[in-house]
Amino acid sequence: MITLTTYKWVPDFAAPLMRAFRVRWALEEAGIPYTVRHVALGPDQRSPEHLARQPFGQAPAIEHNGLALHESGAIALYIAERSEALLPADPMARARAIAWVFSALNTIENSVQELGSIIFFHKDAAWAKERRPQVEEFLRLRLGQLATALGDKDYLEGRFTVGDLMMSDVLRIIDSTDIVDDFANLKAYKLRCESRPAFQRAMTAQMEGFAKAA
């Protein structure tokens, strides 16, 4: 069975956004059972035991059949390779779905995360007030390109894949803004992903897990 390692506690604003959620969601979509191990912020993160799972002392990480794996994107792909619910059998369709995972992490999340950092940690700083309009302008450019690629499809490749899981989860980072709402098809796409039963199960498990571990 897969063991997921996540934090024992995070601030309330971060709880639904932790990257361990992507792993939970992928496991729920794939129907793969798992157990959860909690690591506390601070010394536990730097323990040799945890660093053997996650070299940077972060979360999430998984262990499975002797394999220790870190980074949410790598873990999601590892899970997806075990389920056609997340990756199609057709090699070309699989390749396109995987490309969307990298697009989410490398093209979209960089800008989303920069804006998220300003919102959550630096919104009152003088430099942040000057920088934010530039960040939002570039993010809107990227989201416009994503909206064009999505078009009128329900999902990026027509059916839900791990690419949609990763992309929609990245978009959730800026839920406190109305930027995604400015792109009607992206707004509908994100809500469609979030309405999936596996998403709901994963979110419930994540929030209950933090509550029980606190």
C-alpha atoms as a PDB file:
ATOM      1  CA  MET A   1       0.000   0.000   0.000  1.00  0.00           C
ATOM      2  CA  ILE A   2       1.135   3.552  -0.692  1.00  0.00           C
ATOM      3  CA  THR A   3       2.055   5.666   2.321  1.00  0.00           C
ATOM      4  CA  LEU A   4       1.613   9.406   1.878  1.00  0.00           C
ATOM      5  CA  THR A   5       3.649  11.724   4.096  1.00  0.00           C
ATOM      6  CA  THR A   6       2.208  15.176   4.677  1.00  0.00           C
ATOM      7  CA  TYR A   7       2.458  17.882   7.307  1.00  0.00           C
ATOM      8  CA  LYS A   8       0.785  17.519  10.681  1.00  0.00           C
ATOM      9  CA  TRP A   9      -0.257  21.179  10.754  1.00  0.00           C
ATOM     10  CA  VAL A  10      -0.238  24.181   8.423  1.00  0.00           C
ATOM     11  CA  PRO A  11      -1.917  27.614   8.694  1.00  0.00           C
ATOM     12  CA  ASP A  12      -5.632  27.579   7.923  1.00  0.00           C
ATOM     13  CA  PHE A  13      -5.251  29.383   4.586  1.00  0.00           C
ATOM     14  CA  ALA A  14      -2.767  26.753   3.402  1.00  0.00           C
ATOM     15  CA  ALA A  15      -4.658  23.641   4.498  1.00  0.00           C
ATOM     16  CA  PRO A  16      -6.790  23.195   1.338  1.00  0.00           C
ATOM     17  CA  LEU A  17      -3.913  24.229  -0.923  1.00  0.00           C
ATOM     18  CA  MET A  18      -1.157  21.910   0.282  1.00  0.00           C
ATOM     19  CA  ARG A  19       0.425  19.969  -2.561  1.00  0.00           C
ATOM     20  CA  ALA A  20      -0.282  16.734  -0.737  1.00  0.00           C
ATOM     21  CA  PHE A  21      -3.844  17.297  -1.947  1.00  0.00           C
ATOM     22  CA  ARG A  22      -2.772  16.574  -5.511  1.00  0.00           C
ATOM     23  CA  VAL A  23      -1.521  13.199  -4.369  1.00  0.00           C
ATOM     24  CA  ARG A  24      -4.700  12.420  -2.433  1.00  0.00           C
ATOM     25  CA  TRP A  25      -6.819  13.424  -5.424  1.00  0.00           C
ATOM     26  CA  ALA A  26      -4.803  11.263  -7.822  1.00  0.00           C
ATOM     27  CA  LEU A  27      -5.091   8.295  -5.461  1.00  0.00           C
ATOM     28  CA  GLU A  28      -8.849   8.808  -5.163  1.00  0.00           C
ATOM     29  CA  GLU A  29      -9.283   9.077  -8.946  1.00  0.00           C
ATOM     30  CA  ALA A  30      -7.211   5.927  -9.447  1.00  0.00           C
ATOM     31  CA  GLY A  31      -9.002   4.046  -6.676  1.00  0.00           C
ATOM     32  CA  ILE A  32      -5.693   3.153  -5.002  1.00  0.00           C
ATOM     33  CA  PRO A  33      -5.792   2.692  -1.211  1.00  0.00           C
ATOM     34  CA  TYR A  34      -3.273   4.583   0.891  1.00  0.00           C
ATOM     35  CA  THR A  35      -2.263   5.415   4.422  1.00  0.00           C
ATOM     36  CA  VAL A  36      -1.065   8.759   5.759  1.00  0.00           C
ATOM     37  CA  ARG A  37       1.951   9.631   7.873  1.00  0.00           C
ATOM     38  CA  HIS A  38       2.232  13.120   9.407  1.00  0.00           C
ATOM     39  CA  VAL A  39       5.449  15.035   9.948  1.00  0.00           C
ATOM     40  CA  ALA A  40       5.565  18.134  12.128  1.00  0.00           C
ATOM     41  CA  LEU A  41       6.984  21.414  10.937  1.00  0.00           C
ATOM     42  CA  GLY A  42      10.385  22.096  12.483  1.00  0.00           C
ATOM     43  CA  PRO A  43      12.854  19.469  13.692  1.00  0.00           C
ATOM     44  CA  ASP A  44      10.802  16.554  12.320  1.00  0.00           C
ATOM     45  CA  GLN A  45      11.247  17.963   8.820  1.00  0.00           C
ATOM     46  CA  ARG A  46      15.009  17.800   9.210  1.00  0.00           C
ATOM     47  CA  SER A  47      15.165  14.335  10.717  1.00  0.00           C
ATOM     48  CA  PRO A  48      17.214  11.746   8.805  1.00  0.00           C
ATOM     49  CA  GLU A  49      14.086   9.599   8.499  1.00  0.00           C
ATOM     50  CA  HIS A  50      12.117  12.315   6.727  1.00  0.00           C
ATOM     51  CA  LEU A  51      15.036  13.520   4.619  1.00  0.00           C
ATOM     52  CA  ALA A  52      15.362   9.982   3.294  1.00  0.00           C
ATOM     53  CA  ARG A  53      11.818  10.367   1.928  1.00  0.00           C
ATOM     54  CA  GLN A  54      12.026  14.031   0.911  1.00  0.00           C
ATOM     55  CA  PRO A  55      15.575  15.395   0.481  1.00  0.00           C
ATOM     56  CA  PHE A  56      14.443  18.991   1.030  1.00  0.00           C
ATOM     57  CA  GLY A  57      12.432  18.310   4.176  1.00  0.00           C
ATOM     58  CA  GLN A  58       9.149  19.226   2.511  1.00  0.00           C
ATOM     59  CA  ALA A  59       5.880  17.416   1.798  1.00  0.00           C
ATOM     60  CA  PRO A  60       4.399  15.467   0.168  1.00  0.00           C
ATOM     61  CA  ALA A  61       6.340  12.273  -0.290  1.00  0.00           C
ATOM     62  CA  ILE A  62       5.227   8.693  -0.824  1.00  0.00           C
ATOM     63  CA  GLU A  63       6.652   5.273  -0.121  1.00  0.00           C
ATOM     64  CA  HIS A  64       5.575   2.255  -2.137  1.00  0.00           C
ATOM     65  CA  ASN A  65       7.184  -1.155  -2.498  1.00  0.00           C
ATOM     66  CA  GLY A  66      10.569   0.128  -1.404  1.00  0.00           C
ATOM     67  CA  LEU A  67      10.380   3.315  -3.466  1.00  0.00           C
ATOM     68  CA  ALA A  68      10.549   6.727  -1.784  1.00  0.00           C
ATOM     69  CA  LEU A  69       9.361   9.476  -4.116  1.00  0.00           C
ATOM     70  CA  HIS A  70       9.052  13.246  -3.664  1.00  0.00           C
ATOM     71  CA  GLU A  71       7.615  16.162  -5.690  1.00  0.00           C
ATOM     72  CA  SER A  72       3.858  16.259  -6.256  1.00  0.00           C
ATOM     73  CA  GLY A  73       4.102  16.165 -10.049  1.00  0.00           C
ATOM     74  CA  ALA A  74       6.340  13.111 -10.073  1.00  0.00           C
ATOM     75  CA  ILE A  75       4.102  11.384  -7.540  1.00  0.00           C
ATOM     76  CA  ALA A  76       0.938  12.185  -9.511  1.00  0.00           C
ATOM     77  CA  LEU A  77       2.488  10.725 -12.657  1.00  0.00           C
ATOM     78  CA  TYR A  78       3.617   7.631 -10.751  1.00  0.00           C
ATOM     79  CA  ILE A  79       0.032   7.101  -9.635  1.00  0.00           C
ATOM     80  CA  ALA A  80      -1.401   7.947 -13.049  1.00  0.00           C
ATOM     81  CA  GLU A  81       0.725   5.304 -14.726  1.00  0.00           C
ATOM     82  CA  ARG A  82      -1.206   2.743 -12.693  1.00  0.00           C
ATOM     83  CA  SER A  83      -4.676   3.826 -13.764  1.00  0.00           C
ATOM     84  CA  GLU A  84      -6.395   4.560 -17.062  1.00  0.00           C
ATOM     85  CA  ALA A  85      -8.640   6.887 -15.084  1.00  0.00           C
ATOM     86  CA  LEU A  86      -5.712   9.329 -15.164  1.00  0.00           C
ATOM     87  CA  LEU A  87      -3.711   8.325 -18.239  1.00  0.00           C
ATOM     88  CA  PRO A  88      -5.212   6.949 -21.461  1.00  0.00           C
ATOM     89  CA  ALA A  89      -3.870   3.697 -22.889  1.00  0.00           C
ATOM     90  CA  ASP A  90      -3.179   5.241 -26.296  1.00  0.00           C
ATOM     91  CA  PRO A  91       0.501   6.329 -26.377  1.00  0.00           C
ATOM     92  CA  MET A  92      -0.160   9.646 -28.140  1.00  0.00           C
ATOM     93  CA  ALA A  93      -2.983  10.559 -25.784  1.00  0.00           C
ATOM     94  CA  ARG A  94      -0.788   9.619 -22.806  1.00  0.00           C
ATOM     95  CA  ALA A  95       2.018  11.831 -24.087  1.00  0.00           C
ATOM     96  CA  ARG A  96      -0.344  14.795 -24.476  1.00  0.00           C
ATOM     97  CA  ALA A  97      -1.762  14.317 -20.979  1.00  0.00           C
ATOM     98  CA  ILE A  98       1.749  14.214 -19.526  1.00  0.00           C
ATOM     99  CA  ALA A  99       2.629  17.379 -21.443  1.00  0.00           C
ATOM    100  CA  TRP A 100      -0.232  19.162 -19.684  1.00  0.00           C
ATOM    101  CA  VAL A 101       1.214  18.141 -16.314  1.00  0.00           C
ATOM    102  CA  PHE A 102       4.458  19.872 -17.227  1.00  0.00           C
ATOM    103  CA  SER A 103       2.564  22.863 -18.627  1.00  0.00           C
ATOM    104  CA  ALA A 104       0.748  23.213 -15.314  1.00  0.00           C
ATOM    105  CA  LEU A 105       3.925  23.017 -13.263  1.00  0.00           C
ATOM    106  CA  ASN A 106       6.369  24.878 -15.504  1.00  0.00           C
ATOM    107  CA  THR A 107       4.275  27.400 -17.435  1.00  0.00           C
ATOM    108  CA  ILE A 108       1.257  28.239 -15.284  1.00  0.00           C
ATOM    109  CA  GLU A 109       2.296  27.569 -11.698  1.00  0.00           C
ATOM    110  CA  ASN A 110       5.350  29.827 -11.827  1.00  0.00           C
ATOM    111  CA  SER A 111       3.174  32.901 -12.346  1.00  0.00           C
ATOM    112  CA  VAL A 112       0.368  31.659 -10.115  1.00  0.00           C
ATOM    113  CA  GLN A 113       2.796  30.947  -7.297  1.00  0.00           C
ATOM    114  CA  GLU A 114       4.428  34.361  -7.566  1.00  0.00           C
ATOM    115  CA  LEU A 115       1.040  36.031  -7.239  1.00  0.00           C
ATOM    116  CA  GLY A 116       0.100  33.682  -4.417  1.00  0.00           C
ATOM    117  CA  SER A 117       3.279  34.565  -2.558  1.00  0.00           C
ATOM    118  CA  ILE A 118       2.453  38.261  -2.824  1.00  0.00           C
ATOM    119  CA  ILE A 119      -1.137  37.712  -1.648  1.00  0.00           C
ATOM    120  CA  PHE A 120      -0.362  35.401   1.252  1.00  0.00           C
ATOM    121  CA  PHE A 121       2.929  36.764   2.543  1.00  0.00           C
ATOM    122  CA  HIS A 122       3.851  40.187   1.155  1.00  0.00           C
ATOM    123  CA  LYS A 123       0.693  42.067   0.135  1.00  0.00           C
ATOM    124  CA  ASP A 124       1.521  45.160   2.233  1.00  0.00           C
ATOM    125  CA  ALA A 125       5.162  45.409   1.174  1.00  0.00           C
ATOM    126  CA  ALA A 126       6.017  48.364  -1.044  1.00  0.00           C
ATOM    127  CA  TRP A 127       7.857  46.186  -3.552  1.00  0.00           C
ATOM    128  CA  ALA A 128       4.877  43.797  -3.755  1.00  0.00           C
ATOM    129  CA  LYS A 129       2.432  46.593  -4.550  1.00  0.00           C
ATOM    130  CA  GLU A 130       4.705  47.672  -7.374  1.00  0.00           C
ATOM    131  CA  ARG A 131       5.329  44.141  -8.636  1.00  0.00           C
ATOM    132  CA  ARG A 132       1.776  42.763  -8.445  1.00  0.00           C
ATOM    133  CA  PRO A 133       0.368  44.494 -11.571  1.00  0.00           C
ATOM    134  CA  GLN A 134       3.224  43.072 -13.648  1.00  0.00           C
ATOM    135  CA  VAL A 135       2.664  39.587 -12.261  1.00  0.00           C
ATOM    136  CA  GLU A 136      -1.073  39.763 -12.901  1.00  0.00           C
ATOM    137  CA  GLU A 137      -0.573  41.037 -16.447  1.00  0.00           C
ATOM    138  CA  PHE A 138       1.714  38.146 -17.344  1.00  0.00           C
ATOM    139  CA  LEU A 139      -0.556  35.634 -15.604  1.00  0.00           C
ATOM    140  CA  ARG A 140      -3.545  36.883 -17.585  1.00  0.00           C
ATOM    141  CA  LEU A 141      -1.526  36.384 -20.760  1.00  0.00           C
ATOM    142  CA  ARG A 142      -0.797  32.783 -19.799  1.00  0.00           C
ATOM    143  CA  LEU A 143      -4.388  32.109 -18.730  1.00  0.00           C
ATOM    144  CA  GLY A 144      -5.635  33.557 -22.000  1.00  0.00           C
ATOM    145  CA  GLN A 145      -3.414  31.122 -23.857  1.00  0.00           C
ATOM    146  CA  LEU A 146      -4.668  28.274 -21.689  1.00  0.00           C
ATOM    147  CA  ALA A 147      -8.267  29.326 -22.293  1.00  0.00           C
ATOM    148  CA  THR A 148      -7.644  29.278 -26.047  1.00  0.00           C
ATOM    149  CA  ALA A 149      -6.139  25.794 -25.845  1.00  0.00           C
ATOM    150  CA  LEU A 150      -9.111  24.545 -23.809  1.00  0.00           C
ATOM    151  CA  GLY A 151     -11.675  26.106 -26.129  1.00  0.00           C
ATOM    152  CA  ASP A 152     -15.105  24.564 -25.682  1.00  0.00           C
ATOM    153  CA  LYS A 153     -13.850  21.179 -24.478  1.00  0.00           C
ATOM    154  CA  ASP A 154     -14.768  19.863 -21.055  1.00  0.00           C
ATOM    155  CA  TYR A 155     -11.145  18.927 -20.381  1.00  0.00           C
ATOM    156  CA  LEU A 156      -7.810  19.724 -21.982  1.00  0.00           C
ATOM    157  CA  GLU A 157      -7.743  16.476 -23.954  1.00  0.00           C
ATOM    158  CA  GLY A 158     -11.495  15.985 -24.119  1.00  0.00           C
ATOM    159  CA  ARG A 159     -11.549  13.564 -21.164  1.00  0.00           C
ATOM    160  CA  PHE A 160     -10.234  14.014 -17.629  1.00  0.00           C
ATOM    161  CA  THR A 161      -6.572  13.094 -17.151  1.00  0.00           C
ATOM    162  CA  VAL A 162      -3.772  13.738 -14.684  1.00  0.00           C
ATOM    163  CA  GLY A 163      -3.055  16.858 -16.749  1.00  0.00           C
ATOM    164  CA  ASP A 164      -6.414  18.311 -15.753  1.00  0.00           C
ATOM    165  CA  LEU A 165      -5.880  17.292 -12.146  1.00  0.00           C
ATOM    166  CA  MET A 166      -2.612  19.186 -12.003  1.00  0.00           C
ATOM    167  CA  MET A 167      -3.786  22.202 -13.998  1.00  0.00           C
ATOM    168  CA  SER A 168      -6.983  22.768 -12.029  1.00  0.00           C
ATOM    169  CA  ASP A 169      -5.154  22.342  -8.738  1.00  0.00           C
ATOM    170  CA  VAL A 170      -2.644  25.002  -9.757  1.00  0.00           C
ATOM    171  CA  LEU A 171      -5.497  27.380 -10.567  1.00  0.00           C
ATOM    172  CA  ARG A 172      -6.909  26.920  -7.049  1.00  0.00           C
ATOM    173  CA  ILE A 173      -3.886  28.729  -5.593  1.00  0.00           C
ATOM    174  CA  ILE A 174      -5.407  32.056  -6.675  1.00  0.00           C
ATOM    175  CA  ASP A 175      -8.957  31.357  -5.533  1.00  0.00           C
ATOM    176  CA  SER A 176      -8.808  34.529  -3.442  1.00  0.00           C
ATOM    177  CA  THR A 177      -8.728  36.564  -6.670  1.00  0.00           C
ATOM    178  CA  ASP A 178     -11.214  36.816  -9.534  1.00  0.00           C
ATOM    179  CA  ILE A 179      -8.598  36.356 -12.255  1.00  0.00           C
ATOM    180  CA  VAL A 180      -9.745  32.903 -13.356  1.00  0.00           C
ATOM    181  CA  ASP A 181     -13.353  34.134 -13.333  1.00  0.00           C
ATOM    182  CA  ASP A 182     -12.440  36.549 -16.129  1.00  0.00           C
ATOM    183  CA  PHE A 183     -12.038  33.550 -18.455  1.00  0.00           C
ATOM    184  CA  ALA A 184     -15.476  31.931 -18.654  1.00  0.00           C
ATOM    185  CA  ASN A 185     -14.336  28.584 -20.012  1.00  0.00           C
ATOM    186  CA  LEU A 186     -11.509  28.301 -17.464  1.00  0.00           C
ATOM    187  CA  LYS A 187     -13.896  29.110 -14.627  1.00  0.00           C
ATOM    188  CA  ALA A 188     -16.294  26.406 -15.806  1.00  0.00           C
ATOM    189  CA  TYR A 189     -13.395  23.990 -16.339  1.00  0.00           C
ATOM    190  CA  LYS A 190     -12.046  24.515 -12.828  1.00  0.00           C
ATOM    191  CA  LEU A 191     -15.498  24.067 -11.273  1.00  0.00           C
ATOM    192  CA  ARG A 192     -16.010  20.932 -13.368  1.00  0.00           C
ATOM    193  CA  CYS A 193     -12.793  19.443 -12.015  1.00  0.00           C
ATOM    194  CA  GLU A 194     -13.640  20.407  -8.453  1.00  0.00           C
ATOM    195  CA  SER A 195     -17.086  18.826  -8.711  1.00  0.00           C
ATOM    196  CA  ARG A 196     -15.617  15.385  -9.350  1.00  0.00           C
ATOM    197  CA  PRO A 197     -16.391  12.921  -6.540  1.00  0.00           C
ATOM    198  CA  ALA A 198     -12.707  12.021  -6.176  1.00  0.00           C
ATOM    199  CA  PHE A 199     -11.850  15.691  -5.623  1.00  0.00           C
ATOM    200  CA  GLN A 200     -14.503  15.965  -2.929  1.00  0.00           C
ATOM    201  CA  ARG A 201     -13.298  12.803  -1.171  1.00  0.00           C
ATOM    202  CA  ALA A 202      -9.693  13.974  -1.279  1.00  0.00           C
ATOM    203  CA  MET A 203     -10.533  17.427   0.068  1.00  0.00           C
ATOM    204  CA  THR A 204     -12.583  15.970   2.906  1.00  0.00           C
ATOM    205  CA  ALA A 205      -9.737  13.605   3.788  1.00  0.00           C
ATOM    206  CA  GLN A 206      -7.168  16.404   3.674  1.00  0.00           C
ATOM    207  CA  MET A 207      -9.112  18.767   5.921  1.00  0.00           C
ATOM    208  CA  GLU A 208     -10.164  16.028   8.359  1.00  0.00           C
ATOM    209  CA  GLY A 209      -6.584  14.791   8.448  1.00  0.00           C
ATOM    210  CA  PHE A 210      -5.268  18.166   9.547  1.00  0.00           C
ATOM    211  CA  ALA A 211      -8.027  18.477  12.129  1.00  0.00           C
ATOM    212  CA  LYS A 212      -7.277  15.074  13.648  1.00  0.00           C
ATOM    213  CA  ALA A 213      -3.495  15.509  13.615  1.00  0.00           C
ATOM    214  CA  ALA A 214      -3.556  18.996  15.193  1.00  0.00           C
END
